[in-house]
Amino acid sequence: MSSSTRRRLLAAGIVTVSLLVPGTAQASQRPVRLLGEQLVPHNLQFQGTTVGGLSSVDFDPRTGGYVFISDDRSAVNPARFYTAKFDVSAKGVGPVTFTGTHPLLRPDGTPYPPLAKNDPAAPQNEQTIDPEELRVDPWSGHYVWSQEGDRLADQHLIQPSIREATRDGHYVRDLPLPANERMTPDAGPRRNYVLEGLAYTGFGTLLASEVEAPLRQDGPPPTPTSGALSRITLQRRSGPVLAQYAYPQEKLFSAPKPATGFADTGVSSMLAVNQADPTKFLMMERSFVTGVGNKVRIFEIDTTGATNVLHTPSLATAEHVRPVKKKLLADLSDLPLSTVDNIEGMTWGPALPSGERSLVLVSDNNFSASQVTQVVALAVPSERL
């Protein structure tokens, strides 16, 4: 990319895809295939912590390794992230070696408290967190991470956030969120269905985020008979929000067994397809249905032509809203995995000699002995993207 093109990208924040990435159509497309998987031992002890709850993964070009965030709400150990190294190649995935861990810290330099010790009178950025996704800032190397906040029984609201931290976990700042992602008693995100997906795009000039399920004002979550609309937000790396788009979530893949059993679904991760193209992303929809199991599907989406719904009060009542376009890239149930567990994170790994791109996934075991911490690598043909 020329320096003049890069300057225009930095100035505009959004670019026209056709000017940067010529389309390449091929009559025959290779399937997404499994490269391999590794299982991290349950309750692995590392530097005084219990490894578990890994809900996101990102490649770190500064180290050649990976960064995981744990969604431990300081219940097992202080809320934290891990660094690790493992090989991904045409031969599969090598053993996962953890190389470091740091707690995420509040502005005063202390770890976030567990929910039982939360002070509701404290500033929002000092209260209990529910970490979900972490991305390495491609410019600074800092970590930008999302957390879901909480709706407590006494109507106390802990607001969701996107925060920036140094590489050793020290607080830097909160990024602004759109007003409709703020929890109120009757509107905003549902409990435990808030900010999960984060993705840098536009060579680091833009940050995209996704709420896991529809906002309260946008209608009910998906059911076995109908899908739903959630929201993708696009903002400048410096903070200002530029746009929101409606994302059409799939209906639940099955009814629970028995019918009164638990079932849920949502978007757990997002990833830019190409840094030169801020309109295309991968979206991971992760579902669990009692008596049936897990289903994890990865879709490619295109925001081109989608309606900007930033100032649309309700997607449930709005007319003439055009959601983003989507197409299925992979259903993990179609791959020869040992199990499809609660996979929640994804990042690009190294390019493969075959012309494919490796896609690395991680599962959140919820610190449960009946689940696994699973690191998976897929080979994604370039013509599929």
Foldseek 3Di string as FASTA:
>chain_A
DDPVVLVVCLVPVADDVCVPDPADADPDFDAWAFQEKDFDDFQDDDPNAGDFQFQAKEQQPVVRWIKTFHQPQCPRHFGKIWIWHWDQASNHIGDIGTDDMAHAAAQVGHTAHHQVPADLVDPLSRHTWGWAYWYQQLPPRWIWTWTCWFQDPVRRTRAIWIFTAGPRNHGDDTADDQPQCGDDPQKHADGPFQWAAWEAALSRQKIKTWGWAAINQADDDAAQVAHGWTKMWMDTNNHHTDFIFTDTGDHFVDQAVVNPWDKDKTWRYKYAPHRNHPFKIKTWMWIAGHPPGIKIWIKIWGCVPFDGCSVPRYNNPDPPGRGIDIDTRDICVVHPDPDDHQKRYKYWHPQYPVQWTKIWIWHGQVSDPVGTTMITIMTGHPSSD
